[in-house]
Amino acid sequence: MGKTEMKELQTLLPYFIKHPTVWSNYDKEADAVYLHFKKPNHADHSEMTDDEIIVRYEKNEVVGLTILNASKRNLNF
């Protein structure tokens, strides 16, 4: 696993700890993984990282992630 992926995972850990229940689904047609840290969530802002991950915010709190091109990512654990 590359340094970038490890850094991403380390960045995500606080959200998994804060929100022990995470909902996820994979859309094969869109090749996207959706992670929801809060349900229901009503994102009022989002931004895309350089790694094609969309971070969704509600009142400045991360409430979800959309990971684009999921099947093409090199995740060697």
PDB file of N, CA and C in Angstrom:
ATOM      1  N   MET A   1       0.851  -1.173   0.000  1.00  0.00           N
ATOM      2  CA  MET A   1       0.000   0.000   0.000  1.00  0.00           C
ATOM      3  C   MET A   1       0.893   1.230   0.000  1.00  0.00           C
ATOM      4  N   GLY A   2       0.576   2.180  -0.844  1.00  0.00           N
ATOM      5  CA  GLY A   2       1.379   3.382  -0.950  1.00  0.00           C
ATOM      6  C   GLY A   2       1.151   4.342   0.200  1.00  0.00           C
ATOM      7  N   LYS A   3       2.039   5.304   0.318  1.00  0.00           N
ATOM      8  CA  LYS A   3       1.951   6.295   1.393  1.00  0.00           C
ATOM      9  C   LYS A   3       0.675   7.120   1.290  1.00  0.00           C
ATOM     10  N   THR A   4       0.241   7.419   0.077  1.00  0.00           N
ATOM     11  CA  THR A   4      -0.972   8.222  -0.092  1.00  0.00           C
ATOM     12  C   THR A   4      -2.179   7.485   0.458  1.00  0.00           C
ATOM     13  N   GLU A   5      -2.314   6.199   0.118  1.00  0.00           N
ATOM     14  CA  GLU A   5      -3.454   5.424   0.617  1.00  0.00           C
ATOM     15  C   GLU A   5      -3.419   5.293   2.135  1.00  0.00           C
ATOM     16  N   MET A   6      -2.237   5.071   2.699  1.00  0.00           N
ATOM     17  CA  MET A   6      -2.126   4.953   4.155  1.00  0.00           C
ATOM     18  C   MET A   6      -2.515   6.264   4.829  1.00  0.00           C
ATOM     19  N   LYS A   7      -2.095   7.363   4.241  1.00  0.00           N
ATOM     20  CA  LYS A   7      -2.444   8.668   4.801  1.00  0.00           C
ATOM     21  C   LYS A   7      -3.957   8.863   4.752  1.00  0.00           C
ATOM     22  N   GLU A   8      -4.586   8.452   3.636  1.00  0.00           N
ATOM     23  CA  GLU A   8      -6.039   8.558   3.512  1.00  0.00           C
ATOM     24  C   GLU A   8      -6.727   7.728   4.587  1.00  0.00           C
ATOM     25  N   LEU A   9      -6.273   6.494   4.783  1.00  0.00           N
ATOM     26  CA  LEU A   9      -6.883   5.633   5.791  1.00  0.00           C
ATOM     27  C   LEU A   9      -6.709   6.207   7.191  1.00  0.00           C
ATOM     28  N   GLN A  10      -5.537   6.739   7.491  1.00  0.00           N
ATOM     29  CA  GLN A  10      -5.303   7.333   8.798  1.00  0.00           C
ATOM     30  C   GLN A  10      -6.193   8.546   9.006  1.00  0.00           C
ATOM     31  N   THR A  11      -6.449   9.280   7.943  1.00  0.00           N
ATOM     32  CA  THR A  11      -7.328  10.437   8.033  1.00  0.00           C
ATOM     33  C   THR A  11      -8.762  10.001   8.317  1.00  0.00           C
ATOM     34  N   LEU A  12      -9.159   8.846   7.803  1.00  0.00           N
ATOM     35  CA  LEU A  12     -10.526   8.354   7.978  1.00  0.00           C
ATOM     36  C   LEU A  12     -10.784   7.753   9.357  1.00  0.00           C
ATOM     37  N   LEU A  13      -9.758   7.250  10.008  1.00  0.00           N
ATOM     38  CA  LEU A  13      -9.959   6.553  11.278  1.00  0.00           C
ATOM     39  C   LEU A  13     -10.774   7.339  12.299  1.00  0.00           C
ATOM     40  N   PRO A  14     -10.546   8.642  12.504  1.00  0.00           N
ATOM     41  CA  PRO A  14     -11.367   9.363  13.485  1.00  0.00           C
ATOM     42  C   PRO A  14     -12.859   9.317  13.184  1.00  0.00           C
ATOM     43  N   TYR A  15     -13.227   9.278  11.900  1.00  0.00           N
ATOM     44  CA  TYR A  15     -14.642   9.228  11.544  1.00  0.00           C
ATOM     45  C   TYR A  15     -15.234   7.863  11.857  1.00  0.00           C
ATOM     46  N   PHE A  16     -14.455   6.801  11.654  1.00  0.00           N
ATOM     47  CA  PHE A  16     -14.942   5.468  11.997  1.00  0.00           C
ATOM     48  C   PHE A  16     -15.064   5.300  13.504  1.00  0.00           C
ATOM     49  N   ILE A  17     -14.183   5.920  14.248  1.00  0.00           N
ATOM     50  CA  ILE A  17     -14.256   5.848  15.708  1.00  0.00           C
ATOM     51  C   ILE A  17     -15.430   6.675  16.218  1.00  0.00           C
ATOM     52  N   LYS A  18     -15.590   7.869  15.672  1.00  0.00           N
ATOM     53  CA  LYS A  18     -16.691   8.752  16.095  1.00  0.00           C
ATOM     54  C   LYS A  18     -18.046   8.187  15.686  1.00  0.00           C
ATOM     55  N   HIS A  19     -18.085   7.521  14.535  1.00  0.00           N
ATOM     56  CA  HIS A  19     -19.332   6.961  14.002  1.00  0.00           C
ATOM     57  C   HIS A  19     -19.135   5.458  13.822  1.00  0.00           C
ATOM     58  N   PRO A  20     -19.332   4.681  14.896  1.00  0.00           N
ATOM     59  CA  PRO A  20     -19.044   3.248  14.806  1.00  0.00           C
ATOM     60  C   PRO A  20     -19.921   2.495  13.803  1.00  0.00           C
ATOM     61  N   THR A  21     -21.043   3.063  13.442  1.00  0.00           N
ATOM     62  CA  THR A  21     -21.869   2.444  12.417  1.00  0.00           C
ATOM     63  C   THR A  21     -21.676   3.220  11.130  1.00  0.00           C
ATOM     64  N   VAL A  22     -21.191   2.533  10.112  1.00  0.00           N
ATOM     65  CA  VAL A  22     -20.967   3.153   8.815  1.00  0.00           C
ATOM     66  C   VAL A  22     -21.759   2.356   7.787  1.00  0.00           C
ATOM     67  N   TRP A  23     -22.544   3.053   7.005  1.00  0.00           N
ATOM     68  CA  TRP A  23     -23.301   2.411   5.947  1.00  0.00           C
ATOM     69  C   TRP A  23     -22.516   2.559   4.655  1.00  0.00           C
ATOM     70  N   SER A  24     -22.509   1.519   3.867  1.00  0.00           N
ATOM     71  CA  SER A  24     -21.765   1.579   2.611  1.00  0.00           C
ATOM     72  C   SER A  24     -22.507   0.830   1.520  1.00  0.00           C
ATOM     73  N   ASN A  25     -22.243   1.226   0.313  1.00  0.00           N
ATOM     74  CA  ASN A  25     -22.724   0.465  -0.828  1.00  0.00           C
ATOM     75  C   ASN A  25     -21.835   0.762  -2.023  1.00  0.00           C
ATOM     76  N   TYR A  26     -21.823  -0.192  -2.950  1.00  0.00           N
ATOM     77  CA  TYR A  26     -21.021  -0.085  -4.166  1.00  0.00           C
ATOM     78  C   TYR A  26     -21.958  -0.075  -5.361  1.00  0.00           C
ATOM     79  N   ASP A  27     -21.794   0.900  -6.212  1.00  0.00           N
ATOM     80  CA  ASP A  27     -22.569   1.000  -7.444  1.00  0.00           C
ATOM     81  C   ASP A  27     -21.653   0.559  -8.582  1.00  0.00           C
ATOM     82  N   LYS A  28     -21.889  -0.648  -9.094  1.00  0.00           N
ATOM     83  CA  LYS A  28     -21.028  -1.218 -10.128  1.00  0.00           C
ATOM     84  C   LYS A  28     -21.054  -0.379 -11.405  1.00  0.00           C
ATOM     85  N   GLU A  29     -22.225   0.086 -11.783  1.00  0.00           N
ATOM     86  CA  GLU A  29     -22.345   0.870 -13.013  1.00  0.00           C
ATOM     87  C   GLU A  29     -21.552   2.181 -12.924  1.00  0.00           C
ATOM     88  N   ALA A  30     -21.603   2.834 -11.781  1.00  0.00           N
ATOM     89  CA  ALA A  30     -20.865   4.091 -11.583  1.00  0.00           C
ATOM     90  C   ALA A  30     -19.441   3.837 -11.112  1.00  0.00           C
ATOM     91  N   ASP A  31     -19.144   2.594 -10.719  1.00  0.00           N
ATOM     92  CA  ASP A  31     -17.854   2.225 -10.137  1.00  0.00           C
ATOM     93  C   ASP A  31     -17.501   3.163  -8.978  1.00  0.00           C
ATOM     94  N   ALA A  32     -18.460   3.292  -8.065  1.00  0.00           N
ATOM     95  CA  ALA A  32     -18.294   4.205  -6.933  1.00  0.00           C
ATOM     96  C   ALA A  32     -18.702   3.501  -5.634  1.00  0.00           C
ATOM     97  N   VAL A  33     -17.946   3.772  -4.594  1.00  0.00           N
ATOM     98  CA  VAL A  33     -18.269   3.304  -3.244  1.00  0.00           C
ATOM     99  C   VAL A  33     -18.784   4.503  -2.465  1.00  0.00           C
ATOM    100  N   TYR A  34     -19.904   4.309  -1.798  1.00  0.00           N
ATOM    101  CA  TYR A  34     -20.503   5.366  -0.996  1.00  0.00           C
ATOM    102  C   TYR A  34     -20.411   4.975   0.476  1.00  0.00           C
ATOM    103  N   LEU A  35     -19.848   5.844   1.289  1.00  0.00           N
ATOM    104  CA  LEU A  35     -19.771   5.628   2.734  1.00  0.00           C
ATOM    105  C   LEU A  35     -20.580   6.726   3.402  1.00  0.00           C
ATOM    106  N   HIS A  36     -21.443   6.327   4.322  1.00  0.00           N
ATOM    107  CA  HIS A  36     -22.289   7.278   5.047  1.00  0.00           C
ATOM    108  C   HIS A  36     -21.995   7.122   6.531  1.00  0.00           C
ATOM    109  N   PHE A  37     -21.582   8.210   7.177  1.00  0.00           N
ATOM    110  CA  PHE A  37     -21.274   8.178   8.605  1.00  0.00           C
ATOM    111  C   PHE A  37     -22.470   8.575   9.452  1.00  0.00           C
ATOM    112  N   LYS A  38     -23.517   9.071   8.814  1.00  0.00           N
ATOM    113  CA  LYS A  38     -24.702   9.541   9.530  1.00  0.00           C
ATOM    114  C   LYS A  38     -25.892   9.334   8.614  1.00  0.00           C
ATOM    115  N   LYS A  39     -26.969   8.780   9.160  1.00  0.00           N
ATOM    116  CA  LYS A  39     -28.206   8.629   8.395  1.00  0.00           C
ATOM    117  C   LYS A  39     -29.362   9.106   9.240  1.00  0.00           C
ATOM    118  N   PRO A  40     -30.234   9.900   8.707  1.00  0.00           N
ATOM    119  CA  PRO A  40     -30.084  10.510   7.393  1.00  0.00           C
ATOM    120  C   PRO A  40     -29.033  11.614   7.454  1.00  0.00           C
ATOM    121  N   ASN A  41     -28.433  11.915   6.335  1.00  0.00           N
ATOM    122  CA  ASN A  41     -27.546  13.073   6.279  1.00  0.00           C
ATOM    123  C   ASN A  41     -28.027  13.993   5.169  1.00  0.00           C
ATOM    124  N   HIS A  42     -27.806  15.246   5.410  1.00  0.00           N
ATOM    125  CA  HIS A  42     -28.236  16.257   4.454  1.00  0.00           C
ATOM    126  C   HIS A  42     -27.022  17.135   4.157  1.00  0.00           C
ATOM    127  N   ALA A  43     -26.171  16.646   3.287  1.00  0.00           N
ATOM    128  CA  ALA A  43     -24.939  17.364   2.966  1.00  0.00           C
ATOM    129  C   ALA A  43     -25.269  18.745   2.409  1.00  0.00           C
ATOM    130  N   ASP A  44     -24.560  19.731   2.934  1.00  0.00           N
ATOM    131  CA  ASP A  44     -24.754  21.091   2.449  1.00  0.00           C
ATOM    132  C   ASP A  44     -23.513  21.613   1.719  1.00  0.00           C
ATOM    133  N   HIS A  45     -22.471  20.773   1.653  1.00  0.00           N
ATOM    134  CA  HIS A  45     -21.236  21.163   0.973  1.00  0.00           C
ATOM    135  C   HIS A  45     -20.459  19.896   0.647  1.00  0.00           C
ATOM    136  N   SER A  46     -19.726  19.914  -0.440  1.00  0.00           N
ATOM    137  CA  SER A  46     -18.863  18.783  -0.760  1.00  0.00           C
ATOM    138  C   SER A  46     -17.643  19.301  -1.503  1.00  0.00           C
ATOM    139  N   GLU A  47     -16.593  18.487  -1.471  1.00  0.00           N
ATOM    140  CA  GLU A  47     -15.388  18.827  -2.217  1.00  0.00           C
ATOM    141  C   GLU A  47     -14.742  17.549  -2.703  1.00  0.00           C
ATOM    142  N   MET A  48     -14.036  17.646  -3.839  1.00  0.00           N
ATOM    143  CA  MET A  48     -13.351  16.487  -4.378  1.00  0.00           C
ATOM    144  C   MET A  48     -11.857  16.621  -4.128  1.00  0.00           C
ATOM    145  N   THR A  49     -11.257  15.543  -3.647  1.00  0.00           N
ATOM    146  CA  THR A  49      -9.823  15.527  -3.416  1.00  0.00           C
ATOM    147  C   THR A  49      -9.096  15.241  -4.721  1.00  0.00           C
ATOM    148  N   ASP A  50      -7.782  15.367  -4.687  1.00  0.00           N
ATOM    149  CA  ASP A  50      -6.977  15.056  -5.872  1.00  0.00           C
ATOM    150  C   ASP A  50      -7.070  13.576  -6.241  1.00  0.00           C
ATOM    151  N   ASP A  51      -7.460  12.729  -5.280  1.00  0.00           N
ATOM    152  CA  ASP A  51      -7.566  11.285  -5.499  1.00  0.00           C
ATOM    153  C   ASP A  51      -8.974  10.853  -5.892  1.00  0.00           C
ATOM    154  N   GLU A  52      -9.801  11.797  -6.353  1.00  0.00           N
ATOM    155  CA  GLU A  52     -11.168  11.519  -6.797  1.00  0.00           C
ATOM    156  C   GLU A  52     -12.026  10.913  -5.698  1.00  0.00           C
ATOM    157  N   ILE A  53     -11.945  11.492  -4.524  1.00  0.00           N
ATOM    158  CA  ILE A  53     -12.820  11.139  -3.418  1.00  0.00           C
ATOM    159  C   ILE A  53     -13.637  12.376  -3.100  1.00  0.00           C
ATOM    160  N   ILE A  54     -14.942  12.222  -3.101  1.00  0.00           N
ATOM    161  CA  ILE A  54     -15.819  13.343  -2.778  1.00  0.00           C
ATOM    162  C   ILE A  54     -16.134  13.263  -1.292  1.00  0.00           C
ATOM    163  N   VAL A  55     -15.812  14.323  -0.581  1.00  0.00           N
ATOM    164  CA  VAL A  55     -16.065  14.414   0.858  1.00  0.00           C
ATOM    165  C   VAL A  55     -17.322  15.260   1.018  1.00  0.00           C
ATOM    166  N   ARG A  56     -18.322  14.699   1.713  1.00  0.00           N
ATOM    167  CA  ARG A  56     -19.590  15.399   1.914  1.00  0.00           C
ATOM    168  C   ARG A  56     -19.671  15.908   3.349  1.00  0.00           C
ATOM    169  N   TYR A  57     -20.095  17.163   3.485  1.00  0.00           N
ATOM    170  CA  TYR A  57     -20.175  17.825   4.788  1.00  0.00           C
ATOM    171  C   TYR A  57     -21.606  18.239   5.102  1.00  0.00           C
ATOM    172  N   GLU A  58     -21.919  18.205   6.370  1.00  0.00           N
ATOM    173  CA  GLU A  58     -23.164  18.781   6.888  1.00  0.00           C
ATOM    174  C   GLU A  58     -22.769  19.636   8.076  1.00  0.00           C
ATOM    175  N   LYS A  59     -22.977  20.925   7.957  1.00  0.00           N
ATOM    176  CA  LYS A  59     -22.588  21.876   9.014  1.00  0.00           C
ATOM    177  C   LYS A  59     -21.123  21.688   9.408  1.00  0.00           C
ATOM    178  N   ASN A  60     -20.259  21.604   8.415  1.00  0.00           N
ATOM    179  CA  ASN A  60     -18.799  21.471   8.574  1.00  0.00           C
ATOM    180  C   ASN A  60     -18.350  20.156   9.199  1.00  0.00           C
ATOM    181  N   GLU A  61     -19.221  19.169   9.299  1.00  0.00           N
ATOM    182  CA  GLU A  61     -18.852  17.841   9.792  1.00  0.00           C
ATOM    183  C   GLU A  61     -18.913  16.866   8.614  1.00  0.00           C
ATOM    184  N   VAL A  62     -17.900  16.019   8.494  1.00  0.00           N
ATOM    185  CA  VAL A  62     -17.906  15.027   7.416  1.00  0.00           C
ATOM    186  C   VAL A  62     -18.997  14.005   7.704  1.00  0.00           C
ATOM    187  N   VAL A  63     -19.916  13.838   6.757  1.00  0.00           N
ATOM    188  CA  VAL A  63     -21.011  12.886   6.929  1.00  0.00           C
ATOM    189  C   VAL A  63     -20.956  11.756   5.901  1.00  0.00           C
ATOM    190  N   GLY A  64     -20.045  11.853   4.930  1.00  0.00           N
ATOM    191  CA  GLY A  64     -19.953  10.787   3.957  1.00  0.00           C
ATOM    192  C   GLY A  64     -18.832  10.989   2.963  1.00  0.00           C
ATOM    193  N   LEU A  65     -18.529   9.896   2.275  1.00  0.00           N
ATOM    194  CA  LEU A  65     -17.507   9.905   1.236  1.00  0.00           C
ATOM    195  C   LEU A  65     -18.039   9.165   0.021  1.00  0.00           C
ATOM    196  N   THR A  66     -17.638   9.615  -1.134  1.00  0.00           N
ATOM    197  CA  THR A  66     -17.892   8.899  -2.378  1.00  0.00           C
ATOM    198  C   THR A  66     -16.534   8.649  -3.010  1.00  0.00           C
ATOM    199  N   ILE A  67     -16.192   7.390  -3.207  1.00  0.00           N
ATOM    200  CA  ILE A  67     -14.901   7.019  -3.777  1.00  0.00           C
ATOM    201  C   ILE A  67     -15.138   6.623  -5.227  1.00  0.00           C
ATOM    202  N   LEU A  68     -14.665   7.464  -6.123  1.00  0.00           N
ATOM    203  CA  LEU A  68     -14.861   7.236  -7.554  1.00  0.00           C
ATOM    204  C   LEU A  68     -13.807   6.282  -8.100  1.00  0.00           C
ATOM    205  N   ASN A  69     -14.134   5.619  -9.190  1.00  0.00           N
ATOM    206  CA  ASN A  69     -13.223   4.657  -9.845  1.00  0.00           C
ATOM    207  C   ASN A  69     -12.709   3.627  -8.831  1.00  0.00           C
ATOM    208  N   ALA A  70     -13.607   3.133  -8.026  1.00  0.00           N
ATOM    209  CA  ALA A  70     -13.239   2.255  -6.907  1.00  0.00           C
ATOM    210  C   ALA A  70     -12.524   0.986  -7.353  1.00  0.00           C
ATOM    211  N   SER A  71     -12.970   0.357  -8.418  1.00  0.00           N
ATOM    212  CA  SER A  71     -12.381  -0.916  -8.809  1.00  0.00           C
ATOM    213  C   SER A  71     -10.986  -0.748  -9.419  1.00  0.00           C
ATOM    214  N   LYS A  72     -10.630   0.457  -9.781  1.00  0.00           N
ATOM    215  CA  LYS A  72      -9.330   0.702 -10.401  1.00  0.00           C
ATOM    216  C   LYS A  72      -8.261   1.106  -9.392  1.00  0.00           C
ATOM    217  N   ARG A  73      -8.640   1.216  -8.129  1.00  0.00           N
ATOM    218  CA  ARG A  73      -7.684   1.630  -7.096  1.00  0.00           C
ATOM    219  C   ARG A  73      -6.823   0.464  -6.687  1.00  0.00           C
ATOM    220  N   ASN A  74      -5.579   0.755  -6.417  1.00  0.00           N
ATOM    221  CA  ASN A  74      -4.620  -0.256  -6.003  1.00  0.00           C
ATOM    222  C   ASN A  74      -4.596  -0.313  -4.473  1.00  0.00           C
ATOM    223  N   LEU A  75      -5.392  -1.210  -3.917  1.00  0.00           N
ATOM    224  CA  LEU A  75      -5.457  -1.341  -2.459  1.00  0.00           C
ATOM    225  C   LEU A  75      -4.910  -2.694  -2.070  1.00  0.00           C
ATOM    226  N   ASN A  76      -3.628  -2.792  -1.990  1.00  0.00           N
ATOM    227  CA  ASN A  76      -2.967  -4.036  -1.599  1.00  0.00           C
ATOM    228  C   ASN A  76      -2.741  -4.029  -0.098  1.00  0.00           C
ATOM    229  N   PHE A  77      -3.601  -4.728   0.613  1.00  0.00           N
ATOM    230  CA  PHE A  77      -3.465  -4.794   2.073  1.00  0.00           C
ATOM    231  C   PHE A  77      -2.539  -5.907   2.456  1.00  0.00           C
TER     232      PHE A  77
END
